[in-house]
Amino acid sequence: MKLYTFTTPEIAKHSSYLKIGETNGDVEKHYSAHGAMWGLPSDAIYAIMNSVTVEAAMSVLRQYGKHQDVWKSIGQKIAFHLNARTKGNLRIEFIGFTQEDGILIHSCTNS
């Protein structure tokens, strides 16, 4: 697991926020599962599962035109788990991004 902090000064209403992020090595599993839900063929799932980098997995999703659907689906699942874990007692926001694409999903799009 990798924890990191960052700010998003380009988003004015978040200029005073310190963001804390987490990532782990199971990205290919999440992309594959959500890709399968969106109808990716088995060869695409295989390619994602064998991707060495997030960008390689994203390349497969882009090739099939499913990257936006998959990210929306992942965002909904993130929101579900955050709300379940905090029992609605905390305001939690999230973003999902890649180095190449920038911000792909954030909690404001899942409200």
C-alpha atoms as a PDB file:
ATOM      1  CA  MET A   1       0.000   0.000   0.000  1.00  0.00           C
ATOM      2  CA  LYS A   2       1.196   3.509  -0.802  1.00  0.00           C
ATOM      3  CA  LEU A   3      -0.097   6.556   1.074  1.00  0.00           C
ATOM      4  CA  TYR A   4       0.480  10.057  -0.201  1.00  0.00           C
ATOM      5  CA  THR A   5      -0.722  13.613   0.342  1.00  0.00           C
ATOM      6  CA  PHE A   6      -1.465  16.260  -2.235  1.00  0.00           C
ATOM      7  CA  THR A   7      -3.333  19.499  -2.795  1.00  0.00           C
ATOM      8  CA  THR A   8      -5.499  20.668  -5.681  1.00  0.00           C
ATOM      9  CA  PRO A   9      -4.942  24.416  -5.907  1.00  0.00           C
ATOM     10  CA  GLU A  10      -6.552  24.455  -9.370  1.00  0.00           C
ATOM     11  CA  ILE A  11      -9.893  23.737  -7.671  1.00  0.00           C
ATOM     12  CA  ALA A  12     -10.598  27.027  -5.878  1.00  0.00           C
ATOM     13  CA  LYS A  13     -13.126  25.665  -3.388  1.00  0.00           C
ATOM     14  CA  HIS A  14     -10.563  23.033  -2.300  1.00  0.00           C
ATOM     15  CA  SER A  15      -7.581  25.362  -1.992  1.00  0.00           C
ATOM     16  CA  SER A  16      -7.280  24.883   1.784  1.00  0.00           C
ATOM     17  CA  TYR A  17      -7.665  21.080   1.725  1.00  0.00           C
ATOM     18  CA  LEU A  18      -4.864  18.620   2.340  1.00  0.00           C
ATOM     19  CA  LYS A  19      -5.747  15.450   0.473  1.00  0.00           C
ATOM     20  CA  ILE A  20      -4.616  12.021   1.583  1.00  0.00           C
ATOM     21  CA  GLY A  21      -4.483   9.248  -0.965  1.00  0.00           C
ATOM     22  CA  GLU A  22      -3.920   5.521  -1.013  1.00  0.00           C
ATOM     23  CA  THR A  23      -3.212   3.046  -3.749  1.00  0.00           C
ATOM     24  CA  ASN A  24      -2.335  -0.606  -3.798  1.00  0.00           C
ATOM     25  CA  GLY A  25      -1.208  -3.281  -6.203  1.00  0.00           C
ATOM     26  CA  ASP A  26      -4.697  -4.595  -7.011  1.00  0.00           C
ATOM     27  CA  VAL A  27      -5.591  -1.956  -9.595  1.00  0.00           C
ATOM     28  CA  GLU A  28      -5.659  -4.529 -12.394  1.00  0.00           C
ATOM     29  CA  LYS A  29      -8.219  -6.597 -10.460  1.00  0.00           C
ATOM     30  CA  HIS A  30     -10.521  -3.601 -10.039  1.00  0.00           C
ATOM     31  CA  TYR A  31     -10.185  -2.575 -13.686  1.00  0.00           C
ATOM     32  CA  SER A  32     -10.805  -6.166 -14.818  1.00  0.00           C
ATOM     33  CA  ALA A  33     -13.867  -6.701 -12.638  1.00  0.00           C
ATOM     34  CA  HIS A  34     -15.470  -3.399 -13.596  1.00  0.00           C
ATOM     35  CA  GLY A  35     -14.457  -3.899 -17.235  1.00  0.00           C
ATOM     36  CA  ALA A  36     -16.172  -7.293 -17.239  1.00  0.00           C
ATOM     37  CA  MET A  37     -19.329  -5.668 -15.846  1.00  0.00           C
ATOM     38  CA  TRP A  38     -19.208  -3.298 -18.823  1.00  0.00           C
ATOM     39  CA  GLY A  39     -18.845  -6.134 -21.318  1.00  0.00           C
ATOM     40  CA  LEU A  40     -15.134  -6.227 -22.086  1.00  0.00           C
ATOM     41  CA  PRO A  41     -14.207  -9.412 -23.953  1.00  0.00           C
ATOM     42  CA  SER A  42     -12.032 -12.018 -22.266  1.00  0.00           C
ATOM     43  CA  ASP A  43      -8.925 -11.049 -24.248  1.00  0.00           C
ATOM     44  CA  ALA A  44      -9.204  -7.479 -22.904  1.00  0.00           C
ATOM     45  CA  ILE A  45      -9.654  -8.756 -19.332  1.00  0.00           C
ATOM     46  CA  TYR A  46      -6.596 -10.967 -19.825  1.00  0.00           C
ATOM     47  CA  ALA A  47      -4.575  -8.002 -21.115  1.00  0.00           C
ATOM     48  CA  ILE A  48      -5.613  -5.871 -18.132  1.00  0.00           C
ATOM     49  CA  MET A  49      -4.785  -8.639 -15.636  1.00  0.00           C
ATOM     50  CA  ASN A  50      -1.331  -8.891 -17.193  1.00  0.00           C
ATOM     51  CA  SER A  51      -0.694  -5.144 -17.252  1.00  0.00           C
ATOM     52  CA  VAL A  52       2.410  -4.077 -15.404  1.00  0.00           C
ATOM     53  CA  THR A  53       1.306  -0.458 -15.003  1.00  0.00           C
ATOM     54  CA  VAL A  54      -1.938   1.421 -14.482  1.00  0.00           C
ATOM     55  CA  GLU A  55      -1.320   3.198 -17.773  1.00  0.00           C
ATOM     56  CA  ALA A  56      -1.093  -0.123 -19.624  1.00  0.00           C
ATOM     57  CA  ALA A  57      -4.432  -1.198 -18.151  1.00  0.00           C
ATOM     58  CA  MET A  58      -5.956   2.176 -19.023  1.00  0.00           C
ATOM     59  CA  SER A  59      -4.698   1.757 -22.579  1.00  0.00           C
ATOM     60  CA  VAL A  60      -6.755  -1.436 -22.902  1.00  0.00           C
ATOM     61  CA  LEU A  61      -9.838   0.296 -21.491  1.00  0.00           C
ATOM     62  CA  ARG A  62      -9.362   3.184 -23.934  1.00  0.00           C
ATOM     63  CA  GLN A  63      -8.921   0.775 -26.851  1.00  0.00           C
ATOM     64  CA  TYR A  64     -12.380  -0.650 -26.131  1.00  0.00           C
ATOM     65  CA  GLY A  65     -13.924   2.731 -25.309  1.00  0.00           C
ATOM     66  CA  LYS A  66     -14.737   1.665 -21.754  1.00  0.00           C
ATOM     67  CA  HIS A  67     -12.423   3.823 -19.633  1.00  0.00           C
ATOM     68  CA  GLN A  68     -15.121   6.356 -18.692  1.00  0.00           C
ATOM     69  CA  ASP A  69     -17.695   3.668 -17.871  1.00  0.00           C
ATOM     70  CA  VAL A  70     -15.197   1.728 -15.786  1.00  0.00           C
ATOM     71  CA  TRP A  71     -14.083   4.815 -13.880  1.00  0.00           C
ATOM     72  CA  LYS A  72     -17.686   5.830 -13.196  1.00  0.00           C
ATOM     73  CA  SER A  73     -18.398   2.334 -11.891  1.00  0.00           C
ATOM     74  CA  ILE A  74     -15.269   2.360  -9.714  1.00  0.00           C
ATOM     75  CA  GLY A  75     -16.244   5.799  -8.389  1.00  0.00           C
ATOM     76  CA  GLN A  76     -19.679   4.523  -7.379  1.00  0.00           C
ATOM     77  CA  LYS A  77     -18.079   1.611  -5.535  1.00  0.00           C
ATOM     78  CA  ILE A  78     -15.612   3.919  -3.761  1.00  0.00           C
ATOM     79  CA  ALA A  79     -18.483   6.161  -2.644  1.00  0.00           C
ATOM     80  CA  PHE A  80     -20.441   3.131  -1.429  1.00  0.00           C
ATOM     81  CA  HIS A  81     -17.536   1.869   0.707  1.00  0.00           C
ATOM     82  CA  LEU A  82     -16.627   5.281   2.114  1.00  0.00           C
ATOM     83  CA  ASN A  83     -20.214   5.932   3.133  1.00  0.00           C
ATOM     84  CA  ALA A  84     -20.556   2.463   4.646  1.00  0.00           C
ATOM     85  CA  ARG A  85     -17.337   2.795   6.650  1.00  0.00           C
ATOM     86  CA  THR A  86     -18.149   6.230   8.030  1.00  0.00           C
ATOM     87  CA  LYS A  87     -21.870   5.507   8.488  1.00  0.00           C
ATOM     88  CA  GLY A  88     -22.549   8.929   6.999  1.00  0.00           C
ATOM     89  CA  ASN A  89     -20.945  10.683  10.000  1.00  0.00           C
ATOM     90  CA  LEU A  90     -18.116  12.317   8.045  1.00  0.00           C
ATOM     91  CA  ARG A  91     -17.944  14.294   4.861  1.00  0.00           C
ATOM     92  CA  ILE A  92     -15.489  12.465   2.671  1.00  0.00           C
ATOM     93  CA  GLU A  93     -14.548  13.319  -0.876  1.00  0.00           C
ATOM     94  CA  PHE A  94     -12.384  11.387  -3.281  1.00  0.00           C
ATOM     95  CA  ILE A  95     -10.768  11.672  -6.663  1.00  0.00           C
ATOM     96  CA  GLY A  96      -9.417   9.067  -9.027  1.00  0.00           C
ATOM     97  CA  PHE A  97      -6.748  10.063 -11.502  1.00  0.00           C
ATOM     98  CA  THR A  98      -3.868   8.908 -13.623  1.00  0.00           C
ATOM     99  CA  GLN A  99      -0.725  10.795 -14.539  1.00  0.00           C
ATOM    100  CA  GLU A 100      -1.726  10.883 -18.212  1.00  0.00           C
ATOM    101  CA  ASP A 101      -5.458  11.591 -17.922  1.00  0.00           C
ATOM    102  CA  GLY A 102      -5.584  13.739 -14.808  1.00  0.00           C
ATOM    103  CA  ILE A 103      -8.752  13.562 -12.712  1.00  0.00           C
ATOM    104  CA  LEU A 104     -11.095  10.882 -14.074  1.00  0.00           C
ATOM    105  CA  ILE A 105     -13.660  10.653 -11.282  1.00  0.00           C
ATOM    106  CA  HIS A 106     -14.429  12.551  -8.122  1.00  0.00           C
ATOM    107  CA  SER A 107     -17.071  12.290  -5.468  1.00  0.00           C
ATOM    108  CA  CYS A 108     -18.981  15.285  -6.788  1.00  0.00           C
ATOM    109  CA  THR A 109     -19.903  13.271  -9.899  1.00  0.00           C
ATOM    110  CA  ASN A 110     -21.332  10.463  -7.780  1.00  0.00           C
ATOM    111  CA  SER A 111     -23.763  12.517  -5.729  1.00  0.00           C
END
